[in-house]
Amino acid sequence: MILKDNTILITGGTSGIGLAFAEEFYRLGNKVIICGRREERLKKLSDKYPGMVTKICDVSKEKDRIELADWTEKNYPDLNIFMNNAGVQYDFNLKEKINLDKLYDEINTNLVAPIHLANLFAAQFINRHNSAIINISSGLAFVPLAFMPVYCATKAAIHSFTLSLRQQLGSTPVKVFEIAPPSVDTELGHDRRADKTQTHGGMPVDEFIKEAMDALHKNVLEAPIAHAKTLREKNEQLFSQMNNR
């Protein structure tokens, strides 16, 4: 992938790895658009990075997703890279009654939104130069942690969906990437911690971004990063055989 002179939209771009990607693409000379739920963070980032475009959007809501795609098509017709990054992470004790609001929020944000947005932007990208869809999954897509059963399931589904999306777009110029992070030191999952300021722990963000950007530059379409590589199972060798008959 050419890493400069693009117009790129990143969901969940106000914190964590989404923000780190936004900052790195901005540094490389791209037009960067970030969207998120938190208006105050978007304002701070637009003030800090002149030219970075921000958009309030809750990707868990269908109307916001459609409005986002229509807005970019109208205002940024040269958009050629879309990153599905927004995500939430909750724990669930399946021996007890679960909070259905959190269940739906996690599924809608982590799975329904990326599928719908990928569909919306794939149609726009088919005739655009250096176009790509980048899905952020997780090492937990391959080996789940039982106390986060829904999060891990959504990431496993994103991995599977990315394989199908790449297959369906194989005859088009649109590249489909999957970046599978390990545990990265961000605020992801802060809602389930008593100390809301505590970070996730794990790989430093700058080290993750360096390896992930290198994978994109080298056109590594499926890139488990660091420890996620050890979690990647070898059970999909038959995928090409089954889908290329």
Protein backbone atom coordinates (compact mmCIF):
# COMPACT_ATOMS: atom_id res chain seq x y z
CA MET A 1 0.00 0.00 0.00
CA ILE A 2 1.13 3.55 -0.72
CA LEU A 3 1.17 5.20 2.70
CA LYS A 4 1.05 8.87 1.67
CA ASP A 5 -1.16 11.18 -0.38
CA ASN A 6 -4.31 9.25 0.54
CA THR A 7 -7.58 10.33 2.05
CA ILE A 8 -8.33 7.97 4.91
CA LEU A 9 -11.28 7.61 7.26
CA ILE A 10 -10.73 5.94 10.64
CA THR A 11 -13.58 5.02 12.97
CA GLY A 12 -12.90 5.21 16.68
CA GLY A 13 -10.08 7.61 15.95
CA THR A 14 -10.11 9.62 19.17
CA SER A 15 -8.14 7.20 21.35
CA GLY A 16 -6.06 4.04 21.44
CA ILE A 17 -4.75 2.46 18.28
CA GLY A 18 -7.25 4.38 16.14
CA LEU A 19 -5.72 7.65 17.27
CA ALA A 20 -2.22 6.25 16.83
CA PHE A 21 -3.01 5.25 13.24
CA ALA A 22 -4.54 8.68 12.62
CA GLU A 23 -1.46 10.46 13.94
CA GLU A 24 0.90 8.30 11.87
CA PHE A 25 -1.05 8.68 8.64
CA TYR A 26 -1.26 12.44 9.31
CA ARG A 27 2.51 12.57 9.86
CA LEU A 28 3.05 10.83 6.52
CA GLY A 29 1.11 13.49 4.62
CA ASN A 30 -2.34 11.98 4.22
CA LYS A 31 -5.72 13.70 4.54
CA VAL A 32 -7.04 12.07 7.72
CA ILE A 33 -10.68 11.95 8.77
CA ILE A 34 -11.56 10.54 12.18
CA CYS A 35 -14.95 9.89 13.66
CA GLY A 36 -16.04 9.06 17.17
CA ARG A 37 -18.70 9.52 19.80
CA ARG A 38 -16.88 12.05 21.99
CA GLU A 39 -17.20 15.59 20.67
CA GLU A 40 -14.73 17.10 23.16
CA ARG A 41 -11.96 14.73 22.04
CA LEU A 42 -12.65 15.41 18.38
CA LYS A 43 -12.40 19.16 19.03
CA LYS A 44 -9.06 18.79 20.82
CA LEU A 45 -7.63 16.71 18.00
CA SER A 46 -8.78 19.08 15.26
CA ASP A 47 -7.14 21.93 17.20
CA LYS A 48 -3.92 19.94 17.66
CA TYR A 49 -3.62 18.72 14.08
CA PRO A 50 -4.45 21.43 11.51
CA GLY A 51 -6.22 19.91 8.53
CA MET A 52 -7.32 16.75 10.34
CA VAL A 53 -11.05 16.37 9.76
CA THR A 54 -13.35 15.22 12.54
CA LYS A 55 -16.90 13.91 12.49
CA ILE A 56 -19.22 13.00 15.35
CA CYS A 57 -20.57 9.52 14.64
CA ASP A 58 -21.84 6.61 16.70
CA VAL A 59 -21.13 3.66 14.41
CA SER A 60 -23.39 1.41 16.49
CA LYS A 61 -26.36 3.29 14.97
CA GLU A 62 -27.49 2.52 11.44
CA LYS A 63 -28.51 6.09 10.64
CA ASP A 64 -25.10 7.42 11.69
CA ARG A 65 -23.33 4.89 9.47
CA ILE A 66 -25.41 5.80 6.43
CA GLU A 67 -25.00 9.51 7.12
CA LEU A 68 -21.22 9.06 7.46
CA ALA A 69 -20.93 7.33 4.09
CA ASP A 70 -23.13 9.93 2.39
CA TRP A 71 -21.19 12.78 4.03
CA THR A 72 -17.80 11.49 2.90
CA GLU A 73 -19.06 10.78 -0.61
CA LYS A 74 -20.29 14.37 -0.89
CA ASN A 75 -17.43 16.18 0.85
CA TYR A 76 -14.43 13.88 0.27
CA PRO A 77 -14.99 12.10 -3.05
CA ASP A 78 -11.28 11.23 -3.15
CA LEU A 79 -11.57 9.08 -0.01
CA ASN A 80 -9.74 5.85 -0.84
CA ILE A 81 -8.90 4.14 2.46
CA PHE A 82 -11.35 3.17 5.19
CA MET A 83 -10.30 1.68 8.53
CA ASN A 84 -12.85 -0.24 10.63
CA ASN A 85 -11.33 0.37 14.06
CA ALA A 86 -14.08 1.43 16.50
CA GLY A 87 -14.71 -1.14 19.21
CA VAL A 88 -15.87 -1.71 22.76
CA GLN A 89 -14.89 -4.44 25.18
CA TYR A 90 -17.02 -5.80 28.02
CA ASP A 91 -16.82 -8.82 30.27
CA PHE A 92 -19.80 -11.13 30.80
CA ASN A 93 -20.40 -13.78 33.44
CA LEU A 94 -22.48 -16.28 31.50
CA LYS A 95 -23.58 -18.00 34.71
CA GLU A 96 -25.56 -14.87 35.57
CA LYS A 97 -28.14 -12.73 33.78
CA ILE A 98 -26.25 -10.54 31.33
CA ASN A 99 -26.82 -6.88 30.55
CA LEU A 100 -28.54 -6.92 27.16
CA ASP A 101 -27.80 -3.25 26.50
CA LYS A 102 -24.07 -3.98 26.73
CA LEU A 103 -24.50 -7.14 24.65
CA TYR A 104 -26.19 -5.27 21.82
CA ASP A 105 -23.74 -2.37 22.05
CA GLU A 106 -20.78 -4.73 21.73
CA ILE A 107 -22.23 -6.67 18.82
CA ASN A 108 -23.48 -3.57 16.99
CA THR A 109 -20.20 -1.67 17.44
CA ASN A 110 -17.76 -4.52 16.86
CA LEU A 111 -19.55 -6.55 14.20
CA VAL A 112 -22.68 -5.05 12.63
CA ALA A 113 -21.03 -1.65 12.09
CA PRO A 114 -17.85 -2.95 10.40
CA ILE A 115 -19.86 -5.19 8.07
CA HIS A 116 -22.28 -2.43 7.12
CA LEU A 117 -19.57 0.21 6.70
CA ALA A 118 -17.37 -2.11 4.65
CA ASN A 119 -20.33 -2.70 2.36
CA LEU A 120 -21.04 1.03 2.03
CA PHE A 121 -17.44 1.98 1.26
CA ALA A 122 -16.64 -0.99 -0.97
CA ALA A 123 -19.20 0.30 -3.46
CA GLN A 124 -17.51 3.72 -3.44
CA PHE A 125 -13.95 2.40 -3.72
CA ILE A 126 -14.20 0.03 -6.66
CA ASN A 127 -12.99 2.64 -9.18
CA ARG A 128 -10.57 4.53 -6.93
CA HIS A 129 -6.78 4.35 -7.07
CA ASN A 130 -4.93 2.70 -4.16
CA SER A 131 -8.22 1.94 -2.44
CA ALA A 132 -8.33 -0.28 0.64
CA ILE A 133 -10.50 -1.41 3.50
CA ILE A 134 -8.61 -2.18 6.72
CA ASN A 135 -10.38 -4.23 9.38
CA ILE A 136 -8.99 -4.30 12.90
CA SER A 137 -9.60 -7.69 14.51
CA SER A 138 -7.60 -9.09 17.45
CA GLY A 139 -5.35 -11.92 18.48
CA LEU A 140 -8.38 -12.96 20.53
CA ALA A 141 -10.13 -13.78 17.26
CA PHE A 142 -8.03 -16.95 17.26
CA VAL A 143 -7.81 -17.82 20.97
CA PRO A 144 -10.57 -16.25 23.09
CA LEU A 145 -10.48 -15.16 26.71
CA ALA A 146 -13.54 -16.69 28.33
CA PHE A 147 -14.37 -13.70 30.54
CA MET A 148 -14.84 -11.58 27.38
CA PRO A 149 -16.88 -14.07 25.36
CA VAL A 150 -18.79 -11.60 23.19
CA TYR A 151 -15.80 -9.40 22.37
CA CYS A 152 -13.76 -12.42 21.29
CA ALA A 153 -16.66 -13.79 19.26
CA THR A 154 -17.10 -10.50 17.41
CA LYS A 155 -13.41 -10.40 16.57
CA ALA A 156 -13.49 -13.99 15.33
CA ALA A 157 -16.44 -12.99 13.16
CA ILE A 158 -14.54 -9.98 11.81
CA HIS A 159 -11.67 -12.28 10.86
CA SER A 160 -14.07 -14.58 9.01
CA PHE A 161 -15.89 -11.67 7.39
CA THR A 162 -12.60 -10.18 6.18
CA LEU A 163 -11.74 -13.42 4.38
CA SER A 164 -15.08 -13.32 2.56
CA LEU A 165 -14.84 -9.60 1.80
CA ARG A 166 -11.36 -10.06 0.35
CA GLN A 167 -12.59 -12.98 -1.76
CA GLN A 168 -15.57 -11.05 -3.11
CA LEU A 169 -13.49 -7.97 -3.93
CA GLY A 170 -10.69 -10.04 -5.43
CA SER A 171 -11.60 -9.01 -8.99
CA THR A 172 -11.59 -5.30 -8.08
CA PRO A 173 -8.72 -2.91 -7.27
CA VAL A 174 -9.82 -2.73 -3.59
CA LYS A 175 -7.34 -4.35 -1.22
CA VAL A 176 -8.72 -5.80 2.01
CA PHE A 177 -6.40 -5.86 5.01
CA GLU A 178 -6.79 -7.37 8.45
CA ILE A 179 -4.64 -6.13 11.32
CA ALA A 180 -4.88 -8.35 14.41
CA PRO A 181 -3.41 -6.54 17.42
CA PRO A 182 -2.15 -8.28 20.53
CA SER A 183 -2.92 -6.71 23.90
CA VAL A 184 -1.91 -3.06 23.34
CA ASP A 185 -1.47 -0.48 26.09
CA THR A 186 -4.62 1.61 25.50
CA GLU A 187 -7.79 2.47 27.40
CA LEU A 188 -9.80 -0.26 25.63
CA GLY A 189 -12.06 -1.96 28.15
CA HIS A 190 -11.87 0.89 30.68
CA ASP A 191 -15.64 0.63 31.21
CA ARG A 192 -15.20 -2.71 32.95
CA ARG A 193 -12.39 -1.55 35.26
CA ALA A 194 -12.87 0.04 38.67
CA ASP A 195 -10.09 2.52 37.89
CA LYS A 196 -11.27 4.25 34.70
CA THR A 197 -7.81 5.77 34.16
CA GLN A 198 -6.09 2.37 34.09
CA THR A 199 -4.82 1.33 30.67
CA HIS A 200 -5.13 -2.02 28.98
CA GLY A 201 -1.52 -3.05 29.45
CA GLY A 202 0.49 -4.91 26.84
CA MET A 203 2.49 -3.82 23.82
CA PRO A 204 3.40 -0.10 23.69
CA VAL A 205 1.25 1.70 21.13
CA ASP A 206 4.20 3.12 19.21
CA GLU A 207 5.73 -0.33 18.76
CA PHE A 208 2.42 -1.72 17.55
CA ILE A 209 1.91 1.08 15.04
CA LYS A 210 5.44 0.67 13.65
CA GLU A 211 4.85 -3.03 12.94
CA ALA A 212 1.30 -2.54 11.66
CA MET A 213 2.30 0.26 9.26
CA ASP A 214 5.16 -1.86 7.98
CA ALA A 215 2.69 -4.66 7.25
CA LEU A 216 0.43 -2.28 5.31
CA HIS A 217 3.40 -0.90 3.36
CA LYS A 218 4.43 -4.44 2.41
CA ASN A 219 0.86 -5.39 1.43
CA VAL A 220 0.58 -8.07 4.10
CA LEU A 221 -3.13 -8.63 3.79
CA GLU A 222 -3.47 -10.55 7.06
CA ALA A 223 -1.14 -9.24 9.75
CA PRO A 224 -1.27 -10.58 13.30
CA ILE A 225 1.07 -8.37 15.26
CA ALA A 226 3.60 -9.53 17.90
CA HIS A 227 1.99 -12.01 20.33
CA ALA A 228 -1.09 -12.27 18.10
CA LYS A 229 1.13 -14.23 15.69
CA THR A 230 1.40 -17.04 18.24
CA LEU A 231 -2.40 -17.07 18.62
CA ARG A 232 -3.03 -17.46 14.94
CA GLU A 233 -4.27 -20.97 14.31
CA LYS A 234 -3.52 -22.88 11.13
CA ASN A 235 -7.03 -24.09 10.38
CA GLU A 236 -7.90 -22.20 7.19
CA GLN A 237 -5.69 -23.86 4.62
CA LEU A 238 -8.79 -25.19 2.87
CA PHE A 239 -10.38 -21.76 2.43
CA SER A 240 -8.95 -21.08 -1.01
CA GLN A 241 -9.66 -24.62 -2.16
CA MET A 242 -13.29 -24.39 -1.05
CA ASN A 243 -13.89 -20.96 -2.56
CA ASN A 244 -12.01 -21.26 -5.84
CA ARG A 245 -13.80 -24.29 -7.28
